[in-house]
Amino acid sequence: MRNFFVTPAEPKATPQALSVEEQTDALIASEESFQEFMAADAETTRAMEIAAGLENLAMVAGHVTEARNTDLAFFDAGLGLALVGTGIGTEEIAPGLEDMEGKTISTEAVKETVQKIWDAIKKVIANMWKQIQIFWGNMTKSAPGLKLRAEALSEKVTELGSATAEEKTFSPGRALKTLSVNGQVPKKGSDLIEGLSLVESISSHLYGKYKEQLVKAGKDIDAAIGEFDVASIETARSSLDAVSSAYAGIHEISEFKGVKMVKVGRDTRFNRSESVEAVHLPTDMAIFHVKAPVEENEDVLGRAERLRKASLVVMQSSEQEAKSKDKEVEMEVFATSDVVTIAERCIAICDMVADHDAKAVKAVADNIIKASDTLNKKFKDASKEESGVSSASSYVDSAMKFNIAFTTASTKFEAQVSRVAMTTVRAALSVAQSNLSQYKKDKA
């Protein structure tokens, strides 16, 4: 966790990749940058938990005017819990704790640590964006090569003319297993087309309507944070509600055409209280739509937290690994017309990936970060002038967390879906190629 405070290295520029070998290298580089992004995302999540724990502890401790031994023991234990796994000892944040007996517990060092964590989070967010840009740079370079493969398949079908297949089934190897949907391996060409059509539909929405929603929501969040009123608890509460309303709706998937979400039963990867729906994709992955329940008497802070927790996430369809992975599987030889349809679907997906541009979303995210910084400064200045304003800190902190939530929502989901899409395309083209090899051109 100490590495979290280390300034990330500048990413190197990614070279153009056009040949087959270079496209393979680009795919590997995109995966490496994605994994680094995911590690930074996990680190940011943990850092936010630590900051929140320390903030809450400082708030409670601040009300203790004559600390007893038990108060100091609880404070020390609270620090220990908040710092689990960081490698940082409580004495580093609260030195001389035993000397505070009978006095007000000093929380200045804790607050300074929280500020350092938030400063570090900002740097990691910047690195997350850099890694996701490297990811997209390499991903978009790999798409044209796959498109050429798909076009070549269509041309091969034309060359074959009225060729016939000598066998009724064939074994495409690992590529077929890669295309499994919720543990079910495709058995015929129409199964492949169905899976590709679903990925194409989701990709079309992802790079179209979904991105538009992100940009609009981002601009609304930016405006709401910019207008945040820290004059009192009442105005801060109302302002936070406005920020939450701006963020609401980002994760709705109901407008994905042709996508039917199914309710997920008991899955230990999710909390029992969460509402989870899923759509299963090729590669044995699924998009999960996760929503926390609305608590009875939910307040403004609770609503903000619930909305931030809502997510669209791509994970393995099931908690258990599909058993078909270790078995040799065959499928029916399918018509050459199905090969053409598969090629068309792959070309459409490659075109969408190649044309993807995250500049508009990135610009909005940058503005949200700037607005959050301005809000933080405005709140600190107001707190110095009027002590009562400090009681609105929880609303200000909650509002600032939306800049991290927006970064995750505007990068992680798109990248996850794109990885599934490109893996699906590569595997589908491989299976289609194997299928065509079953056909022999009729002799004149």
Protein backbone atom coordinates (compact mmCIF):
# COMPACT_ATOMS: atom_id res chain seq x y z
CA MET A 1 0.00 0.00 0.00
CA ARG A 2 2.98 2.33 0.53
CA ASN A 3 3.48 2.21 -3.24
CA PHE A 4 0.21 4.11 -3.49
CA PHE A 5 2.07 7.27 -2.47
CA VAL A 6 4.73 6.85 -5.17
CA THR A 7 4.32 9.07 -8.22
CA PRO A 8 3.55 6.81 -11.23
CA ALA A 9 6.06 6.66 -14.07
CA GLU A 10 5.19 8.38 -17.32
CA PRO A 11 3.85 5.83 -19.85
CA LYS A 12 5.85 5.41 -23.04
CA ALA A 13 4.37 6.31 -26.40
CA THR A 14 2.88 3.33 -28.19
CA PRO A 15 4.27 2.64 -31.69
CA GLN A 16 2.01 2.06 -34.69
CA ALA A 17 1.21 -1.62 -35.16
CA LEU A 18 0.07 -2.79 -38.59
CA SER A 19 1.74 -6.12 -39.31
CA VAL A 20 0.42 -9.36 -37.80
CA GLU A 21 3.35 -9.51 -35.39
CA GLU A 22 2.97 -5.85 -34.41
CA GLN A 23 -0.77 -6.28 -33.93
CA THR A 24 -0.08 -9.19 -31.58
CA ASP A 25 2.36 -7.00 -29.67
CA ALA A 26 -0.27 -4.25 -29.50
CA LEU A 27 -2.81 -6.67 -28.03
CA ILE A 28 -0.31 -7.79 -25.41
CA ALA A 29 0.53 -4.16 -24.59
CA SER A 30 -3.17 -3.28 -24.30
CA GLU A 31 -3.64 -6.16 -21.84
CA GLU A 32 -0.65 -5.03 -19.77
CA SER A 33 -1.93 -1.47 -19.54
CA PHE A 34 -5.42 -2.75 -18.68
CA GLN A 35 -4.06 -4.85 -15.83
CA GLU A 36 -2.12 -1.86 -14.51
CA PHE A 37 -5.31 0.19 -14.74
CA MET A 38 -7.23 -2.46 -12.78
CA ALA A 39 -4.53 -2.56 -10.11
CA ALA A 40 -4.68 1.23 -9.78
CA ASP A 41 -8.49 1.07 -9.58
CA ALA A 42 -8.31 -1.46 -6.73
CA GLU A 43 -5.68 0.64 -4.97
CA THR A 44 -7.84 3.75 -5.29
CA THR A 45 -10.85 1.91 -3.86
CA ARG A 46 -8.82 0.76 -0.86
CA ALA A 47 -7.36 4.25 -0.37
CA MET A 48 -10.86 5.75 -0.32
CA GLU A 49 -11.89 3.24 2.33
CA ILE A 50 -8.87 4.18 4.45
CA ALA A 51 -9.55 7.90 4.03
CA ALA A 52 -13.21 7.45 4.94
CA GLY A 53 -12.31 5.41 8.02
CA LEU A 54 -9.80 7.99 9.20
CA GLU A 55 -12.20 10.86 8.53
CA ASN A 56 -14.97 9.21 10.56
CA LEU A 57 -12.55 8.40 13.37
CA ALA A 58 -11.26 11.98 13.48
CA MET A 59 -14.82 13.32 13.56
CA VAL A 60 -15.78 11.12 16.53
CA ALA A 61 -12.51 11.70 18.39
CA GLY A 62 -12.84 15.44 17.95
CA HIS A 63 -15.83 15.44 20.30
CA VAL A 64 -13.85 13.86 23.15
CA THR A 65 -12.70 16.75 25.37
CA GLU A 66 -11.30 14.77 28.32
CA ALA A 67 -9.95 11.52 26.97
CA ARG A 68 -9.90 8.49 29.26
CA ASN A 69 -7.67 5.47 28.78
CA THR A 70 -10.57 3.62 27.21
CA ASP A 71 -11.15 6.50 24.74
CA LEU A 72 -7.49 6.44 23.73
CA ALA A 73 -7.55 2.65 23.41
CA PHE A 74 -10.62 2.78 21.15
CA PHE A 75 -9.01 5.54 19.06
CA ASP A 76 -5.81 3.51 18.69
CA ALA A 77 -7.78 0.39 17.76
CA GLY A 78 -9.80 2.38 15.22
CA LEU A 79 -6.61 3.63 13.61
CA GLY A 80 -5.30 0.09 13.45
CA LEU A 81 -8.42 -1.16 11.70
CA ALA A 82 -8.39 1.69 9.20
CA LEU A 83 -4.74 1.07 8.35
CA VAL A 84 -4.90 -2.73 7.96
CA GLY A 85 -2.73 -3.86 5.08
CA THR A 86 -1.02 -0.49 4.54
CA GLY A 87 2.18 -1.25 6.44
CA ILE A 88 1.69 2.01 8.36
CA GLY A 89 1.65 1.88 12.15
CA THR A 90 -0.74 3.89 14.32
CA GLU A 91 2.19 5.64 16.00
CA GLU A 92 3.11 7.23 12.67
CA ILE A 93 -0.27 8.97 12.46
CA ALA A 94 -1.00 9.55 16.14
CA PRO A 95 2.35 9.88 17.98
CA GLY A 96 2.26 10.50 21.72
CA LEU A 97 -1.26 9.18 22.10
CA GLU A 98 -0.63 8.18 25.72
CA ASP A 99 0.07 11.83 26.59
CA MET A 100 -3.47 12.87 25.60
CA GLU A 101 -5.16 11.39 28.66
CA GLY A 102 -7.47 13.97 30.20
CA LYS A 103 -7.15 16.19 27.13
CA THR A 104 -8.82 16.63 23.77
CA ILE A 105 -7.61 13.98 21.35
CA SER A 106 -5.49 15.66 18.69
CA THR A 107 -6.60 14.64 15.20
CA GLU A 108 -4.50 17.05 13.16
CA ALA A 109 -2.04 14.35 12.12
CA VAL A 110 -4.94 12.13 11.07
CA LYS A 111 -6.45 14.92 8.98
CA GLU A 112 -3.09 15.60 7.37
CA THR A 113 -2.80 11.92 6.49
CA VAL A 114 -6.26 11.98 4.94
CA GLN A 115 -5.25 14.96 2.81
CA LYS A 116 -2.10 13.11 1.69
CA ILE A 117 -4.23 10.15 0.70
CA TRP A 118 -6.56 12.35 -1.36
CA ASP A 119 -3.57 13.98 -3.04
CA ALA A 120 -2.22 10.51 -3.86
CA ILE A 121 -5.62 9.43 -5.18
CA LYS A 122 -5.55 12.35 -7.64
CA LYS A 123 -2.18 11.20 -8.97
CA VAL A 124 -3.38 7.63 -9.33
CA ILE A 125 -6.52 8.79 -11.15
CA ALA A 126 -4.28 10.64 -13.60
CA ASN A 127 -2.29 7.44 -14.10
CA MET A 128 -5.50 5.45 -14.59
CA TRP A 129 -6.44 7.74 -17.46
CA LYS A 130 -2.96 7.41 -18.97
CA GLN A 131 -3.11 3.62 -18.78
CA ILE A 132 -6.58 3.50 -20.31
CA GLN A 133 -5.39 5.75 -23.14
CA ILE A 134 -2.48 3.37 -23.78
CA PHE A 135 -5.00 0.51 -23.70
CA TRP A 136 -7.22 2.19 -26.30
CA GLY A 137 -4.26 3.20 -28.44
CA ASN A 138 -3.16 -0.42 -28.75
CA MET A 139 -6.67 -1.83 -28.97
CA THR A 140 -7.64 0.43 -31.87
CA LYS A 141 -4.42 -0.51 -33.71
CA SER A 142 -5.23 -4.20 -33.48
CA ALA A 143 -8.73 -3.80 -34.92
CA PRO A 144 -7.80 -3.14 -38.58
CA GLY A 145 -5.84 -6.40 -38.82
CA LEU A 146 -8.81 -8.39 -37.54
CA LYS A 147 -11.05 -6.56 -40.00
CA LEU A 148 -8.75 -7.61 -42.87
CA ARG A 149 -9.01 -11.22 -41.69
CA ALA A 150 -12.79 -10.99 -41.74
CA GLU A 151 -12.80 -9.48 -45.22
CA ALA A 152 -10.46 -12.23 -46.42
CA LEU A 153 -12.91 -14.86 -45.14
CA SER A 154 -15.75 -13.32 -47.16
CA GLU A 155 -13.53 -13.34 -50.26
CA LYS A 156 -12.66 -16.99 -49.62
CA VAL A 157 -16.36 -17.87 -49.56
CA THR A 158 -16.77 -16.23 -52.96
CA GLU A 159 -13.83 -18.22 -54.31
CA LEU A 160 -15.28 -21.48 -53.04
CA GLY A 161 -18.52 -20.91 -54.89
CA SER A 162 -20.80 -23.92 -54.50
CA ALA A 163 -18.25 -25.98 -52.59
CA THR A 164 -19.45 -28.79 -50.34
CA ALA A 165 -18.25 -30.06 -46.97
CA GLU A 166 -17.01 -33.63 -46.69
CA GLU A 167 -17.70 -33.94 -42.94
CA LYS A 168 -20.71 -33.09 -40.82
CA THR A 169 -18.76 -31.97 -37.72
CA PHE A 170 -15.32 -30.55 -37.01
CA SER A 171 -13.17 -29.57 -34.03
CA PRO A 172 -12.14 -25.88 -34.03
CA GLY A 173 -9.96 -26.32 -30.93
CA ARG A 174 -9.62 -23.84 -28.10
CA ALA A 175 -11.25 -20.99 -30.06
CA LEU A 176 -14.65 -22.69 -29.82
CA LYS A 177 -14.41 -23.06 -26.07
CA THR A 178 -13.47 -19.38 -25.85
CA LEU A 179 -16.88 -18.55 -27.36
CA SER A 180 -18.83 -20.33 -24.60
CA VAL A 181 -21.81 -18.43 -23.23
CA ASN A 182 -22.60 -19.12 -19.58
CA GLY A 183 -20.75 -22.43 -19.83
CA GLN A 184 -22.48 -23.53 -23.04
CA VAL A 185 -20.21 -24.15 -26.04
CA PRO A 186 -21.66 -23.13 -29.46
CA LYS A 187 -22.87 -26.14 -31.40
CA LYS A 188 -23.68 -24.57 -34.76
CA GLY A 189 -23.05 -21.48 -36.84
CA SER A 190 -26.23 -19.77 -35.70
CA ASP A 191 -24.95 -19.95 -32.10
CA LEU A 192 -21.83 -18.03 -33.13
CA ILE A 193 -23.89 -15.46 -35.00
CA GLU A 194 -26.19 -15.00 -31.99
CA GLY A 195 -23.22 -14.35 -29.68
CA LEU A 196 -21.57 -11.95 -32.12
CA SER A 197 -24.85 -10.11 -32.70
CA LEU A 198 -25.23 -9.57 -28.95
CA VAL A 199 -21.68 -8.22 -28.68
CA GLU A 200 -22.28 -5.97 -31.71
CA SER A 201 -25.51 -4.62 -30.20
CA ILE A 202 -23.87 -3.85 -26.87
CA SER A 203 -20.83 -2.29 -28.56
CA SER A 204 -23.07 -0.10 -30.72
CA HIS A 205 -24.78 1.28 -27.63
CA LEU A 206 -21.52 1.51 -25.70
CA TYR A 207 -19.81 3.70 -28.28
CA GLY A 208 -22.98 5.65 -29.03
CA LYS A 209 -25.78 6.33 -26.56
CA TYR A 210 -23.81 5.23 -23.50
CA LYS A 211 -20.93 7.57 -24.27
CA GLU A 212 -23.40 10.40 -24.87
CA GLN A 213 -24.94 9.69 -21.46
CA LEU A 214 -21.51 9.77 -19.85
CA VAL A 215 -20.60 13.12 -21.36
CA LYS A 216 -23.95 14.67 -20.43
CA ALA A 217 -23.85 13.30 -16.88
CA GLY A 218 -20.24 14.42 -16.53
CA LYS A 219 -21.08 17.98 -17.54
CA ASP A 220 -24.00 17.99 -15.08
CA ILE A 221 -21.74 16.70 -12.28
CA ASP A 222 -19.15 19.35 -13.11
CA ALA A 223 -21.81 22.08 -12.95
CA ALA A 224 -23.34 20.77 -9.70
CA ILE A 225 -19.94 20.59 -7.95
CA GLY A 226 -19.09 24.03 -9.27
CA GLU A 227 -22.29 25.45 -7.74
CA PHE A 228 -21.82 23.63 -4.42
CA ASP A 229 -22.80 25.95 -1.55
CA VAL A 230 -20.79 25.44 1.65
CA ALA A 231 -22.46 28.25 3.60
CA SER A 232 -24.28 25.86 5.94
CA ILE A 233 -25.23 22.23 6.52
CA GLU A 234 -28.57 22.87 4.82
CA THR A 235 -27.06 24.33 1.65
CA ALA A 236 -24.34 21.65 1.57
CA ARG A 237 -26.97 18.93 1.91
CA SER A 238 -29.00 20.37 -0.95
CA SER A 239 -25.89 20.78 -3.08
CA LEU A 240 -24.82 17.17 -2.55
CA ASP A 241 -28.28 16.00 -3.58
CA ALA A 242 -27.86 17.95 -6.83
CA VAL A 243 -24.50 16.25 -7.50
CA SER A 244 -26.05 12.84 -6.80
CA SER A 245 -28.95 13.54 -9.17
CA ALA A 246 -26.48 14.49 -11.88
CA TYR A 247 -24.67 11.17 -11.46
CA ALA A 248 -27.84 9.06 -11.35
CA GLY A 249 -28.69 7.14 -14.48
CA ILE A 250 -25.15 6.58 -15.77
CA HIS A 251 -25.37 2.85 -15.14
CA GLU A 252 -28.77 2.17 -16.66
CA ILE A 253 -28.56 -0.57 -19.28
CA SER A 254 -32.25 -0.75 -20.20
CA GLU A 255 -31.69 1.06 -23.49
CA PHE A 256 -29.24 -1.56 -24.83
CA LYS A 257 -31.26 -2.81 -27.82
CA GLY A 258 -31.74 -6.55 -27.99
CA VAL A 259 -30.25 -7.09 -24.55
CA LYS A 260 -32.30 -9.07 -22.06
CA MET A 261 -31.08 -8.91 -18.49
CA VAL A 262 -31.82 -11.86 -16.21
CA LYS A 263 -31.96 -11.75 -12.43
CA VAL A 264 -28.95 -13.37 -10.77
CA GLY A 265 -29.53 -15.86 -7.97
CA ARG A 266 -27.25 -16.28 -4.96
CA ASP A 267 -23.70 -15.33 -5.91
CA THR A 268 -21.15 -14.78 -3.17
CA ARG A 269 -19.38 -12.16 -5.29
CA PHE A 270 -22.22 -9.79 -4.45
CA ASN A 271 -23.84 -8.72 -1.19
CA ARG A 272 -27.13 -10.41 -0.39
CA SER A 273 -28.85 -7.03 -0.19
CA GLU A 274 -27.82 -6.00 -3.71
CA SER A 275 -30.06 -6.32 -6.73
CA VAL A 276 -28.09 -8.00 -9.53
CA GLU A 277 -29.06 -8.63 -13.14
CA ALA A 278 -26.84 -10.03 -15.87
CA VAL A 279 -26.52 -10.58 -19.59
CA HIS A 280 -24.22 -13.44 -20.55
CA LEU A 281 -21.66 -12.90 -23.30
CA PRO A 282 -19.26 -15.06 -25.31
CA THR A 283 -15.93 -15.83 -23.58
CA ASP A 284 -17.96 -16.99 -20.55
CA MET A 285 -18.16 -13.42 -19.30
CA ALA A 286 -21.22 -11.41 -18.31
CA ILE A 287 -22.25 -7.84 -17.75
CA PHE A 288 -23.62 -7.51 -14.22
CA HIS A 289 -25.84 -4.58 -13.32
CA VAL A 290 -25.49 -4.12 -9.56
CA LYS A 291 -27.69 -1.84 -7.48
CA ALA A 292 -27.75 -1.35 -3.72
CA PRO A 293 -31.17 -1.27 -2.06
CA VAL A 294 -32.83 1.98 -1.02
CA GLU A 295 -32.68 1.97 2.76
CA GLU A 296 -35.68 3.03 4.81
CA ASN A 297 -35.34 6.70 5.80
CA GLU A 298 -32.40 7.09 3.40
CA ASP A 299 -30.75 10.49 3.84
CA VAL A 300 -28.81 12.56 1.32
CA LEU A 301 -25.46 11.00 2.28
CA GLY A 302 -26.95 7.52 2.02
CA ARG A 303 -28.38 8.26 -1.42
CA ALA A 304 -25.02 9.53 -2.66
CA GLU A 305 -23.26 6.40 -1.40
CA ARG A 306 -25.89 4.12 -2.95
CA LEU A 307 -25.58 5.78 -6.36
CA ARG A 308 -21.79 5.55 -6.29
CA LYS A 309 -22.01 1.84 -5.48
CA ALA A 310 -24.29 1.12 -8.45
CA SER A 311 -22.19 -0.38 -11.21
CA LEU A 312 -22.01 -2.09 -14.56
CA VAL A 313 -19.19 -4.58 -14.29
CA VAL A 314 -17.89 -7.37 -16.52
CA MET A 315 -16.90 -10.58 -14.77
CA GLN A 316 -16.85 -14.32 -15.33
CA SER A 317 -20.42 -15.54 -15.81
CA SER A 318 -20.25 -17.99 -12.93
CA GLU A 319 -18.31 -18.27 -9.71
CA GLN A 320 -17.11 -21.70 -10.89
CA GLU A 321 -14.86 -22.29 -13.90
CA ALA A 322 -16.75 -23.90 -16.79
CA LYS A 323 -16.00 -27.65 -16.94
CA SER A 324 -16.02 -27.69 -20.75
CA LYS A 325 -12.63 -26.00 -20.79
CA ASP A 326 -10.82 -29.35 -20.43
CA LYS A 327 -12.87 -31.30 -22.98
CA GLU A 328 -12.36 -31.61 -26.72
CA VAL A 329 -15.51 -30.26 -28.37
CA GLU A 330 -16.90 -30.37 -31.88
CA MET A 331 -19.55 -28.40 -33.68
CA GLU A 332 -21.64 -28.87 -36.79
CA VAL A 333 -20.10 -27.72 -40.04
CA PHE A 334 -22.11 -24.62 -40.93
CA ALA A 335 -23.03 -23.01 -44.23
CA THR A 336 -20.62 -20.69 -45.99
CA SER A 337 -23.36 -18.04 -45.88
CA ASP A 338 -23.03 -18.15 -42.08
CA VAL A 339 -19.30 -17.49 -42.48
CA VAL A 340 -20.15 -14.34 -44.43
CA THR A 341 -22.55 -13.22 -41.68
CA ILE A 342 -19.89 -13.89 -39.01
CA ALA A 343 -17.39 -11.85 -41.02
CA GLU A 344 -19.87 -8.98 -41.32
CA ARG A 345 -20.50 -8.94 -37.57
CA CYS A 346 -16.74 -8.98 -36.88
CA ILE A 347 -16.13 -6.13 -39.33
CA ALA A 348 -18.83 -4.02 -37.65
CA ILE A 349 -17.31 -4.58 -34.20
CA CYS A 350 -13.76 -3.84 -35.44
CA ASP A 351 -14.93 -0.60 -37.05
CA MET A 352 -16.52 0.56 -33.78
CA VAL A 353 -13.40 -0.22 -31.76
CA ALA A 354 -11.09 1.41 -34.32
CA ASP A 355 -13.19 4.59 -34.36
CA HIS A 356 -13.45 4.87 -30.58
CA ASP A 357 -12.35 8.24 -29.20
CA ALA A 358 -12.45 8.95 -25.45
CA LYS A 359 -11.32 12.58 -25.72
CA ALA A 360 -14.75 14.06 -24.93
CA VAL A 361 -15.18 11.89 -21.83
CA LYS A 362 -11.61 12.59 -20.70
CA ALA A 363 -12.15 16.35 -21.03
CA VAL A 364 -15.27 16.16 -18.86
CA ALA A 365 -13.46 14.02 -16.26
CA ASP A 366 -10.65 16.60 -16.09
CA ASN A 367 -13.20 19.36 -15.48
CA ILE A 368 -14.82 17.37 -12.67
CA ILE A 369 -11.44 16.94 -10.97
CA LYS A 370 -10.77 20.68 -11.26
CA ALA A 371 -14.22 21.48 -9.87
CA SER A 372 -13.58 19.13 -6.93
CA ASP A 373 -10.27 20.83 -6.19
CA THR A 374 -11.97 24.22 -6.27
CA LEU A 375 -14.71 22.98 -3.95
CA ASN A 376 -12.15 21.61 -1.50
CA LYS A 377 -10.33 24.94 -1.40
CA LYS A 378 -13.57 26.89 -1.08
CA PHE A 379 -14.65 24.72 1.85
CA LYS A 380 -11.29 25.07 3.64
CA ASP A 381 -11.32 28.84 3.23
CA ALA A 382 -14.89 29.05 4.52
CA SER A 383 -14.03 26.83 7.52
CA LYS A 384 -11.26 29.21 8.56
CA GLU A 385 -13.63 32.16 8.55
CA GLU A 386 -16.61 30.45 10.18
CA SER A 387 -16.16 27.47 12.48
CA GLY A 388 -19.76 26.26 12.05
CA VAL A 389 -19.16 25.56 8.37
CA SER A 390 -16.84 22.65 9.22
CA SER A 391 -19.88 20.55 10.19
CA ALA A 392 -20.73 20.34 6.46
CA SER A 393 -17.51 18.42 5.76
CA SER A 394 -19.22 15.05 5.25
CA TYR A 395 -21.33 16.50 2.42
CA VAL A 396 -18.31 18.09 0.76
CA ASP A 397 -16.28 14.88 1.04
CA SER A 398 -19.15 12.88 -0.42
CA ALA A 399 -19.46 15.25 -3.38
CA MET A 400 -15.73 15.04 -4.12
CA LYS A 401 -15.90 11.24 -4.28
CA PHE A 402 -18.03 11.52 -7.40
CA ASN A 403 -14.98 12.53 -9.43
CA ILE A 404 -13.47 9.10 -8.68
CA ALA A 405 -16.79 7.38 -9.37
CA PHE A 406 -17.04 9.11 -12.74
CA THR A 407 -13.49 8.12 -13.70
CA THR A 408 -14.27 4.47 -12.97
CA ALA A 409 -17.64 4.57 -14.73
CA SER A 410 -16.20 6.21 -17.85
CA THR A 411 -13.18 3.93 -18.26
CA LYS A 412 -13.46 0.54 -16.62
CA PHE A 413 -16.74 -0.71 -18.12
CA GLU A 414 -15.93 0.35 -21.69
CA ALA A 415 -12.51 -1.27 -21.50
CA GLN A 416 -13.91 -4.51 -20.07
CA VAL A 417 -16.57 -4.81 -22.78
CA SER A 418 -14.04 -3.99 -25.51
CA ARG A 419 -11.71 -6.76 -24.31
CA VAL A 420 -14.59 -9.23 -24.51
CA ALA A 421 -15.58 -7.92 -27.96
CA MET A 422 -12.11 -8.26 -29.46
CA THR A 423 -11.52 -11.68 -27.89
CA THR A 424 -14.87 -12.79 -29.33
CA VAL A 425 -13.94 -11.50 -32.79
CA ARG A 426 -10.57 -13.26 -32.80
CA ALA A 427 -12.08 -16.57 -31.67
CA ALA A 428 -15.06 -16.32 -34.07
CA LEU A 429 -12.76 -15.67 -37.04
CA SER A 430 -10.63 -18.65 -36.07
CA VAL A 431 -13.67 -20.95 -35.86
CA ALA A 432 -15.03 -19.61 -39.15
CA GLN A 433 -11.65 -20.25 -40.81
CA SER A 434 -11.61 -23.82 -39.49
CA ASN A 435 -15.14 -24.30 -40.77
CA LEU A 436 -14.20 -23.11 -44.28
CA SER A 437 -11.32 -25.59 -44.37
CA GLN A 438 -13.96 -28.35 -44.29
CA TYR A 439 -15.21 -27.25 -47.71
CA LYS A 440 -13.67 -28.47 -50.94
CA LYS A 441 -14.20 -26.59 -54.17
CA ASP A 442 -16.13 -28.63 -56.70
CA LYS A 443 -14.03 -29.77 -59.62
CA ALA A 444 -15.07 -28.37 -62.97
